[in-house]
Amino acid sequence: MPTTSDHIYEIIARKLTGTISTEESQSLDKWISESLKNQIEFEDIQILWNKTGKFRIPSQLDQNAALTQIHQRADIKSPKTLRLNILYQAAAILVLAVILAGTYNYFFSTPKAPTEYYEKVFTAAGTRTHVDLPDGSKVYLNSGSSLRFSNRFTSKKQRRIELDGEAYFDVAKDHEHPFIVQAGPIEVKALGTEFNVDAYNKDHSIDVVLLEGKVAISDSNKATEKALMTLEPNEKAHFNVKENKISKEKTYELEKYVGWIDGKMVLMDDPIQDVMQKLENWYNVDIRLEDPQLSKYRFTGTFINESVEEILHTFSLTSPLSYEITPAQKDSQGRYTKRIIKLKMN
């Protein structure tokens, strides 16, 4: 059976009244699947039918006028006369909705909320990127990191983002919609401020450094919004995940924490374990400490656009460190593994 626009509503009426044939049901399914517009229109008619089906429709309703109204709503230019014994209730309901739309709009029609989905932005290892959020906030995303946020970001009570890795946030001020960054087990709440969150190793520790404004840090796993700690400018919070402890300290060497935005790797008396983690994140390599004696060494330096080999060579000039690099290998699926770097004592 064809499903041209001048009789699809008769088929829909048969569907609603339970008198549809198998062939008509197949035609209706085909029409619905042809476009999103058809799907939404059918769903709206079903909702309208369900909400008004319990009412007794006045018998004096002009059936021909009812069908005219249906065709007008359906934008049918040349309506044909339909059999009214089945269409009567459906036609009456649609016309009643048109007549009472101004007064009973809420009852007869439930507005469809926009479909919510989540957008994700990520950076490949060894690269950095800049993201402009819908509210005007700016985010700088470090190597191998990702952001996740709702497409309804600006229409919710809270501007909420999920971070995996490291990012610098320049938050647009909006006191009615707090800006919240969830990084593993903690949340950082701000109104209008600039701060850096390092959650690369979110299963072990997370660092938050505040440059401007004020932020509150909370436990994301608890229902209470009571803050674990608040930060003022030039303060750094360190959250130990394993021990579930948070501490803070003053820091005036901000470039150490945000220099990466300008492509700088800044080390300031860092233990070799921290250096290894930075190099792994920055260059997408696997670094292994072969000699535990190297754990007592600390390193300082600023590196811009140097390769990992150049940085390790610099370290070898100021310490007894030596290194061995195993090139990336192609696995059985044709993908390349990370380079392996072994650190040893001379």
Protein backbone atom coordinates (compact mmCIF):
# COMPACT_ATOMS: atom_id res chain seq x y z
CA MET A 1 0.00 0.00 0.00
CA PRO A 2 1.44 3.42 -0.92
CA THR A 3 1.98 5.92 1.89
CA THR A 4 1.41 9.25 0.22
CA SER A 5 0.74 12.18 2.53
CA ASP A 6 -3.01 12.36 1.78
CA HIS A 7 -3.81 9.06 3.48
CA ILE A 8 -0.96 8.37 5.91
CA TYR A 9 -3.12 9.92 8.62
CA GLU A 10 -5.83 7.34 7.97
CA ILE A 11 -3.26 4.62 8.55
CA ILE A 12 -2.11 6.36 11.74
CA ALA A 13 -5.72 6.56 12.91
CA ARG A 14 -6.13 2.81 12.30
CA LYS A 15 -2.97 2.24 14.30
CA LEU A 16 -4.33 4.31 17.21
CA THR A 17 -7.71 2.58 17.18
CA GLY A 18 -6.26 -0.93 16.85
CA THR A 19 -7.78 -1.67 13.45
CA ILE A 20 -4.63 -1.51 11.33
CA SER A 21 -3.87 -4.37 8.96
CA THR A 22 -0.48 -6.08 8.60
CA GLU A 23 0.11 -4.41 5.22
CA GLU A 24 -0.82 -0.98 6.62
CA SER A 25 1.45 -1.52 9.62
CA GLN A 26 4.37 -2.26 7.31
CA SER A 27 3.59 0.88 5.27
CA LEU A 28 3.49 2.97 8.45
CA ASP A 29 6.81 1.58 9.67
CA LYS A 30 8.36 2.40 6.29
CA TRP A 31 7.00 5.98 6.39
CA ILE A 32 8.31 6.54 9.93
CA SER A 33 11.77 5.28 8.97
CA GLU A 34 12.02 7.61 5.96
CA SER A 35 12.89 10.72 7.99
CA LEU A 36 13.35 12.09 11.49
CA LYS A 37 10.50 14.54 10.78
CA ASN A 38 8.08 11.64 10.20
CA GLN A 39 9.27 9.89 13.36
CA ILE A 40 8.76 13.00 15.51
CA GLU A 41 5.36 13.70 13.97
CA PHE A 42 4.15 10.15 14.68
CA GLU A 43 5.43 10.29 18.28
CA ASP A 44 3.68 13.63 18.82
CA ILE A 45 0.38 12.22 17.53
CA GLN A 46 0.73 9.19 19.82
CA ILE A 47 1.36 11.43 22.83
CA LEU A 48 -1.65 13.56 21.92
CA TRP A 49 -3.83 10.46 21.51
CA ASN A 50 -2.78 9.03 24.87
CA LYS A 51 -3.39 12.29 26.70
CA THR A 52 -6.79 13.01 25.22
CA GLY A 53 -8.16 9.50 24.74
CA LYS A 54 -9.97 9.57 28.08
CA PHE A 55 -12.11 12.57 27.10
CA ARG A 56 -15.52 12.24 25.53
CA ILE A 57 -15.45 14.05 22.20
CA PRO A 58 -18.58 16.16 21.49
CA SER A 59 -20.85 14.43 19.02
CA GLN A 60 -21.74 17.71 17.36
CA LEU A 61 -18.15 18.18 16.15
CA ASP A 62 -18.12 18.80 12.41
CA GLN A 63 -16.31 15.76 11.01
CA ASN A 64 -15.50 17.38 7.67
CA ALA A 65 -14.09 20.43 9.41
CA ALA A 66 -12.03 18.13 11.57
CA LEU A 67 -10.48 16.48 8.54
CA THR A 68 -9.84 19.86 6.97
CA GLN A 69 -7.93 20.88 10.08
CA ILE A 70 -5.88 17.66 9.94
CA HIS A 71 -4.95 18.23 6.33
CA GLN A 72 -4.03 21.84 7.01
CA ARG A 73 -1.72 20.78 9.86
CA ALA A 74 -0.20 18.12 7.64
CA ASP A 75 0.30 20.68 4.83
CA ILE A 76 -1.73 18.60 2.35
CA LYS A 77 -2.72 20.87 -0.55
CA SER A 78 -5.34 18.60 -2.15
CA PRO A 79 -7.09 16.63 0.60
CA LYS A 80 -9.28 13.70 -0.30
CA THR A 81 -12.42 12.58 1.49
CA LEU A 82 -11.61 9.81 3.98
CA ARG A 83 -13.77 7.22 5.63
CA LEU A 84 -14.82 8.82 8.92
CA ASN A 85 -16.02 5.83 10.89
CA ILE A 86 -12.43 5.10 11.97
CA LEU A 87 -10.99 8.62 11.83
CA TYR A 88 -13.65 10.33 13.93
CA GLN A 89 -11.93 10.20 17.31
CA ALA A 90 -8.44 10.88 15.91
CA ALA A 91 -9.68 13.82 13.86
CA ALA A 92 -11.58 15.25 16.77
CA ILE A 93 -8.60 15.00 19.08
CA LEU A 94 -6.29 16.79 16.66
CA VAL A 95 -8.81 19.57 16.06
CA LEU A 96 -9.47 19.89 19.78
CA ALA A 97 -5.76 20.34 20.33
CA VAL A 98 -5.68 23.13 17.75
CA ILE A 99 -8.65 24.90 19.36
CA LEU A 100 -7.38 24.62 22.92
CA ALA A 101 -3.65 25.00 22.24
CA GLY A 102 -3.47 28.46 23.75
CA THR A 103 -5.15 27.43 27.03
CA TYR A 104 -4.15 23.79 27.46
CA ASN A 105 -0.81 23.77 25.66
CA TYR A 106 1.05 22.22 28.59
CA PHE A 107 -1.46 19.38 28.99
CA PHE A 108 -1.85 18.46 25.37
CA SER A 109 1.77 18.80 24.29
CA THR A 110 4.88 17.95 26.28
CA PRO A 111 7.87 19.91 24.89
CA LYS A 112 10.73 17.68 23.87
CA ALA A 113 13.94 18.41 25.76
CA PRO A 114 17.02 18.59 23.54
CA THR A 115 18.79 15.27 23.36
CA GLU A 116 21.79 15.30 25.67
CA TYR A 117 25.09 13.87 24.52
CA TYR A 118 28.69 14.36 25.56
CA GLU A 119 31.47 15.90 23.55
CA LYS A 120 35.06 14.79 24.04
CA VAL A 121 38.22 16.65 23.12
CA PHE A 122 41.58 14.92 23.40
CA THR A 123 45.20 15.50 22.45
CA ALA A 124 47.55 12.90 21.06
CA ALA A 125 50.76 12.18 22.91
CA GLY A 126 53.41 14.81 22.24
CA THR A 127 50.91 17.49 21.23
CA ARG A 128 48.95 20.25 22.99
CA THR A 129 45.76 22.03 22.03
CA HIS A 130 43.55 24.97 22.94
CA VAL A 131 39.76 24.67 23.40
CA ASP A 132 37.17 27.48 23.54
CA LEU A 133 34.17 26.30 25.56
CA PRO A 134 30.59 27.45 24.79
CA ASP A 135 30.54 29.76 27.85
CA GLY A 136 33.65 31.66 26.74
CA SER A 137 36.06 29.81 29.02
CA LYS A 138 39.41 28.81 27.55
CA VAL A 139 41.13 25.50 28.18
CA TYR A 140 44.68 24.48 27.28
CA LEU A 141 45.01 20.72 27.08
CA ASN A 142 48.36 19.04 27.59
CA SER A 143 49.78 15.98 25.83
CA GLY A 144 47.73 12.77 26.08
CA SER A 145 44.85 14.48 27.92
CA SER A 146 41.09 14.66 27.34
CA LEU A 147 38.03 16.73 28.28
CA ARG A 148 34.43 15.53 28.38
CA PHE A 149 31.40 17.82 28.69
CA SER A 150 27.70 17.92 27.84
CA ASN A 151 26.35 19.61 24.72
CA ARG A 152 23.97 21.37 27.17
CA PHE A 153 27.00 22.79 29.00
CA THR A 154 25.68 26.37 29.16
CA SER A 155 22.05 25.52 29.96
CA LYS A 156 22.67 23.62 33.18
CA LYS A 157 23.00 24.95 36.72
CA GLN A 158 26.62 23.88 36.78
CA ARG A 159 29.23 24.07 34.04
CA ARG A 160 30.71 20.62 34.57
CA ILE A 161 33.74 19.12 32.83
CA GLU A 162 35.55 15.81 33.26
CA LEU A 163 39.34 15.90 32.91
CA ASP A 164 41.73 13.04 32.30
CA GLY A 165 45.32 14.27 32.16
CA GLU A 166 46.43 17.89 32.56
CA ALA A 167 44.73 21.16 31.61
CA TYR A 168 44.95 24.88 32.32
CA PHE A 169 41.60 26.66 32.76
CA ASP A 170 40.83 30.34 32.17
CA VAL A 171 37.22 30.41 33.40
CA ALA A 172 34.63 32.94 32.23
CA LYS A 173 32.88 34.59 35.18
CA ASP A 174 29.31 33.46 35.82
CA HIS A 175 28.34 33.49 39.50
CA GLU A 176 25.03 31.74 38.84
CA HIS A 177 26.66 28.77 37.10
CA PRO A 178 29.72 27.45 38.97
CA PHE A 179 32.44 25.90 36.85
CA ILE A 180 33.36 22.41 38.08
CA VAL A 181 36.24 20.24 36.91
CA GLN A 182 36.03 16.60 37.94
CA ALA A 183 39.45 14.94 37.99
CA GLY A 184 39.14 11.39 39.27
CA PRO A 185 38.18 11.45 42.96
CA ILE A 186 38.15 15.25 43.37
CA GLU A 187 36.25 18.24 42.01
CA VAL A 188 37.59 21.76 41.58
CA LYS A 189 34.88 24.42 41.77
CA ALA A 190 35.39 27.96 40.49
CA LEU A 191 33.34 31.01 39.44
CA GLY A 192 35.87 33.03 37.47
CA THR A 193 39.52 32.16 37.83
CA GLU A 194 42.67 30.66 36.32
CA PHE A 195 44.11 27.39 37.55
CA ASN A 196 45.99 24.28 36.46
CA VAL A 197 44.96 20.69 37.21
CA ASP A 198 47.45 17.86 36.81
CA ALA A 199 45.57 14.56 37.00
CA TYR A 200 47.79 12.43 34.78
CA ASN A 201 48.31 10.04 37.64
CA LYS A 202 44.79 10.36 39.05
CA ASP A 203 44.94 6.96 40.72
CA HIS A 204 47.85 8.12 42.89
CA SER A 205 47.98 11.93 43.17
CA ILE A 206 46.46 15.12 41.74
CA ASP A 207 47.88 18.65 41.85
CA VAL A 208 45.88 21.88 41.57
CA VAL A 209 47.72 25.22 41.24
CA LEU A 210 45.80 28.51 41.43
CA LEU A 211 46.97 31.60 39.56
CA GLU A 212 43.98 33.96 39.95
CA GLY A 213 40.65 34.00 41.79
CA LYS A 214 39.60 31.31 44.23
CA VAL A 215 38.71 27.62 43.97
CA ALA A 216 37.24 25.02 46.29
CA ILE A 217 38.32 21.38 46.15
CA SER A 218 35.79 18.70 47.11
CA ASP A 219 35.51 14.92 47.17
CA SER A 220 33.57 13.93 44.04
CA ASN A 221 32.53 10.60 45.58
CA LYS A 222 30.52 12.16 48.42
CA ALA A 223 27.04 13.69 48.29
CA THR A 224 28.02 16.64 50.49
CA GLU A 225 29.36 19.75 48.78
CA LYS A 226 31.52 20.66 51.76
CA ALA A 227 34.95 21.66 50.50
CA LEU A 228 38.03 19.76 51.55
CA MET A 229 40.10 22.88 50.96
CA THR A 230 40.02 26.29 49.31
CA LEU A 231 42.94 27.85 47.45
CA GLU A 232 44.11 31.44 47.14
CA PRO A 233 46.42 32.65 44.33
CA ASN A 234 49.93 31.16 44.37
CA GLU A 235 48.81 28.14 46.34
CA LYS A 236 49.12 24.51 45.30
CA ALA A 237 46.97 21.62 46.55
CA HIS A 238 48.30 18.07 46.50
CA PHE A 239 45.80 15.23 46.86
CA ASN A 240 47.20 11.81 47.75
CA VAL A 241 44.62 9.39 46.34
CA LYS A 242 45.88 6.25 48.10
CA GLU A 243 45.90 7.90 51.53
CA ASN A 244 42.86 10.10 50.78
CA LYS A 245 44.74 13.14 52.14
CA ILE A 246 45.02 16.68 50.83
CA SER A 247 47.63 19.31 51.63
CA LYS A 248 48.56 22.73 50.31
CA GLU A 249 51.60 24.96 50.10
CA LYS A 250 52.62 28.35 48.77
CA THR A 251 54.35 28.38 45.40
CA TYR A 252 55.76 31.33 43.49
CA GLU A 253 57.41 29.34 40.71
CA LEU A 254 54.26 29.20 38.62
CA GLU A 255 56.12 28.61 35.37
CA LYS A 256 57.03 25.17 36.64
CA TYR A 257 53.33 24.24 36.53
CA VAL A 258 52.05 26.20 33.54
CA GLY A 259 55.13 26.60 31.35
CA TRP A 260 53.92 23.66 29.26
CA ILE A 261 51.31 25.96 27.70
CA ASP A 262 54.18 27.73 25.89
CA GLY A 263 55.97 24.47 25.07
CA LYS A 264 58.35 24.63 28.03
CA MET A 265 59.24 21.71 30.25
CA VAL A 266 60.36 23.31 33.50
CA LEU A 267 62.11 21.23 36.16
CA MET A 268 63.04 22.72 39.53
CA ASP A 269 64.89 20.35 41.81
CA ASP A 270 62.52 17.53 40.78
CA PRO A 271 63.18 13.92 41.86
CA ILE A 272 63.86 11.49 39.06
CA GLN A 273 60.44 9.82 39.50
CA ASP A 274 58.69 13.13 38.66
CA VAL A 275 61.02 13.72 35.75
CA MET A 276 60.29 10.26 34.37
CA GLN A 277 56.54 10.89 34.53
CA LYS A 278 56.85 14.23 32.72
CA LEU A 279 58.97 12.71 29.99
CA GLU A 280 56.57 9.80 29.55
CA ASN A 281 53.56 12.11 29.20
CA TRP A 282 55.37 14.61 26.98
CA TYR A 283 57.06 12.21 24.55
CA ASN A 284 54.81 9.12 24.77
CA VAL A 285 57.62 6.83 25.86
CA ASP A 286 57.97 4.09 28.47
CA ILE A 287 60.76 4.93 30.96
CA ARG A 288 62.10 2.30 33.34
CA LEU A 289 64.40 2.95 36.28
CA GLU A 290 66.93 0.12 36.18
CA ASP A 291 69.13 1.31 39.03
CA PRO A 292 67.43 2.36 42.33
CA GLN A 293 70.49 4.47 43.25
CA LEU A 294 69.29 7.09 40.74
CA SER A 295 66.30 7.81 43.02
CA LYS A 296 68.44 10.13 45.16
CA TYR A 297 69.16 12.48 42.25
CA ARG A 298 67.14 15.62 41.49
CA PHE A 299 67.11 17.68 38.30
CA THR A 300 66.67 21.32 37.30
CA GLY A 301 66.36 22.83 33.84
CA THR A 302 64.09 24.44 31.24
CA PHE A 303 63.71 22.67 27.92
CA ILE A 304 62.01 24.09 24.83
CA ASN A 305 61.46 21.87 21.79
CA GLU A 306 64.29 19.49 22.74
CA SER A 307 63.95 15.81 21.97
CA VAL A 308 63.88 13.27 24.77
CA GLU A 309 67.36 12.14 23.72
CA GLU A 310 68.68 15.71 24.08
CA ILE A 311 67.17 16.06 27.55
CA LEU A 312 68.60 12.74 28.73
CA HIS A 313 72.01 13.67 27.32
CA THR A 314 71.91 16.91 29.35
CA PHE A 315 71.09 14.92 32.50
CA SER A 316 74.01 12.59 31.79
CA LEU A 317 76.38 15.58 31.82
CA THR A 318 75.40 16.59 35.35
CA SER A 319 74.80 13.19 36.95
CA PRO A 320 75.97 9.55 36.68
CA LEU A 321 72.87 8.75 34.62
CA SER A 322 73.12 6.75 31.43
CA TYR A 323 70.29 5.58 29.19
CA GLU A 324 69.43 2.96 26.62
CA ILE A 325 66.62 3.46 24.08
CA THR A 326 64.77 0.58 22.41
CA PRO A 327 63.03 1.81 19.22
CA ALA A 328 59.30 1.35 18.72
CA GLN A 329 58.33 -2.06 17.39
CA LYS A 330 55.42 -3.05 15.16
CA ASP A 331 53.15 -5.56 16.88
CA SER A 332 51.10 -8.38 15.33
CA GLN A 333 48.25 -5.97 14.54
CA GLY A 334 50.47 -3.50 12.71
CA ARG A 335 50.56 -0.93 15.53
CA TYR A 336 53.74 0.55 16.93
CA THR A 337 54.64 0.14 20.58
CA LYS A 338 56.14 2.93 22.69
CA ARG A 339 59.87 3.42 22.74
CA ILE A 340 61.40 1.95 25.89
CA ILE A 341 64.02 3.98 27.75
CA LYS A 342 66.07 2.32 30.49
CA LEU A 343 67.85 4.57 32.99
CA LYS A 344 71.02 3.25 34.56
CA MET A 345 74.02 4.41 36.57
CA ASN A 346 77.31 4.98 34.74
